């Protein structure tokens, strides 16, 4: 059961490896890959290293930088060690500096609520 980000373990290694393998399936569109990742994120939490691996899979499949940013943004709120997110999940080998800044701006903006008038 989901006990929240601070008390739930990240996705188990065998299940994570299966997800990564499915994402490498030939003929799977970026839309399908993003959908699968969103489905996995609804039921699981991830470590920064797992997020990095999923972004790496998307990169290897020549997914657009917009799709890689979308994956990062989707998974941020499901990352158990989010303090390391920018450094580990969005490391230089998987994301350009400009993309990393866009992701962090987006996730930081989502955490702040606009004051009601």
Protein backbone atom coordinates (compact mmCIF):
# COMPACT_ATOMS: atom_id res chain seq x y z
CA UNK A 1 0.00 0.00 0.00
CA UNK A 2 1.04 3.59 -0.63
CA UNK A 3 2.24 5.13 2.60
CA UNK A 4 3.58 8.29 1.02
CA UNK A 5 6.89 9.31 -0.42
CA UNK A 6 8.78 9.20 2.90
CA UNK A 7 7.57 5.75 3.97
CA UNK A 8 7.13 3.82 0.71
CA UNK A 9 10.07 1.98 -0.83
CA UNK A 10 11.17 2.72 -4.40
CA UNK A 11 10.20 0.37 -7.22
CA UNK A 12 11.80 -3.06 -6.75
CA UNK A 13 14.77 -3.80 -9.00
CA UNK A 14 13.19 -6.70 -10.97
CA UNK A 15 10.04 -4.67 -11.73
CA UNK A 16 12.12 -1.62 -12.63
CA UNK A 17 14.32 -3.63 -15.00
CA UNK A 18 11.21 -5.05 -16.66
CA UNK A 19 9.81 -1.52 -17.16
CA UNK A 20 13.10 -0.34 -18.68
CA UNK A 21 13.13 -3.36 -21.00
CA UNK A 22 9.56 -2.74 -22.17
CA UNK A 23 10.45 0.89 -22.93
CA UNK A 24 13.17 -0.37 -25.30
CA UNK A 25 10.61 -2.30 -27.39
CA UNK A 26 10.88 -1.49 -31.09
CA UNK A 27 7.96 0.45 -32.51
CA UNK A 28 6.88 1.97 -29.20
CA UNK A 29 6.08 5.66 -29.77
CA UNK A 30 7.19 8.44 -27.42
CA UNK A 31 3.52 8.82 -26.49
CA UNK A 32 3.36 5.13 -25.49
CA UNK A 33 6.63 5.34 -23.53
CA UNK A 34 5.41 8.42 -21.65
CA UNK A 35 2.10 6.69 -20.93
CA UNK A 36 3.86 3.61 -19.53
CA UNK A 37 6.07 5.77 -17.32
CA UNK A 38 3.05 7.72 -16.05
CA UNK A 39 1.25 4.45 -15.29
CA UNK A 40 4.28 3.14 -13.39
CA UNK A 41 4.52 6.44 -11.47
CA UNK A 42 0.92 6.16 -10.31
CA UNK A 43 1.75 2.99 -8.37
CA UNK A 44 5.46 3.28 -7.61
CA UNK A 45 8.16 5.51 -6.22
CA UNK A 46 11.64 5.81 -7.71
CA UNK A 47 15.17 6.66 -6.65
CA UNK A 48 17.08 9.40 -8.45
CA UNK A 49 19.23 6.69 -10.02
CA UNK A 50 16.13 4.95 -11.40
CA UNK A 51 14.86 8.26 -12.84
CA UNK A 52 18.27 8.78 -14.42
CA UNK A 53 18.06 5.29 -15.97
CA UNK A 54 14.62 5.98 -17.45
CA UNK A 55 15.79 9.28 -18.93
CA UNK A 56 18.85 7.44 -20.27
CA UNK A 57 16.56 4.87 -21.96
CA UNK A 58 14.58 7.71 -23.54
CA UNK A 59 17.84 9.31 -24.70
CA UNK A 60 19.12 6.07 -26.22
CA UNK A 61 15.85 5.79 -28.11
CA UNK A 62 16.42 9.30 -29.51
CA UNK A 63 13.39 10.68 -27.75
CA UNK A 64 13.07 14.45 -28.00
CA UNK A 65 14.43 16.61 -25.21
CA UNK A 66 10.84 17.75 -24.53
CA UNK A 67 9.86 14.12 -23.86
CA UNK A 68 12.86 13.58 -21.59
CA UNK A 69 11.94 16.74 -19.67
CA UNK A 70 8.35 15.48 -19.41
CA UNK A 71 9.52 12.17 -17.94
CA UNK A 72 11.67 14.01 -15.39
CA UNK A 73 8.81 16.31 -14.38
CA UNK A 74 6.38 13.39 -14.08
CA UNK A 75 8.75 11.39 -11.89
CA UNK A 76 9.98 14.22 -9.66
CA UNK A 77 7.03 14.02 -7.24
CA UNK A 78 7.48 10.23 -7.04
CA UNK A 79 11.22 10.36 -6.25
CA UNK A 80 12.14 9.17 -2.76
CA UNK A 81 15.42 11.09 -2.62
CA UNK A 82 14.37 14.31 -4.36
CA UNK A 83 17.09 16.35 -2.64
CA UNK A 84 19.50 14.72 -5.12
CA UNK A 85 17.21 15.12 -8.12
CA UNK A 86 19.03 17.84 -10.09
CA UNK A 87 22.47 16.32 -9.49
CA UNK A 88 21.71 12.61 -9.92
CA UNK A 89 18.50 12.18 -11.93
CA UNK A 90 19.31 15.02 -14.31
CA UNK A 91 23.04 14.48 -14.57
CA UNK A 92 24.96 16.04 -17.45
CA UNK A 93 25.21 12.72 -19.28
CA UNK A 94 21.42 12.53 -19.74
CA UNK A 95 20.28 16.14 -19.92
CA UNK A 96 21.68 19.44 -21.17
CA UNK A 97 22.02 22.30 -18.70
CA UNK A 98 19.21 24.31 -20.32
CA UNK A 99 16.83 21.32 -20.14
CA UNK A 100 17.83 20.65 -16.53
CA UNK A 101 17.06 24.26 -15.62
CA UNK A 102 13.67 24.05 -17.35
CA UNK A 103 12.79 20.89 -15.40
CA UNK A 104 13.83 22.33 -12.05
CA UNK A 105 11.98 25.60 -12.74
CA UNK A 106 8.85 23.59 -13.55
CA UNK A 107 8.98 21.30 -10.51
CA UNK A 108 9.78 24.19 -8.20
CA UNK A 109 6.89 26.22 -9.63
CA UNK A 110 4.50 23.31 -9.08
CA UNK A 111 5.45 23.22 -5.42
CA UNK A 112 4.44 26.84 -4.89
CA UNK A 113 0.84 27.91 -4.84
CA UNK A 114 -0.22 31.26 -6.21
CA UNK A 115 -1.84 33.44 -3.58
CA UNK A 116 -5.62 33.74 -3.89
CA UNK A 117 -6.98 37.20 -4.55
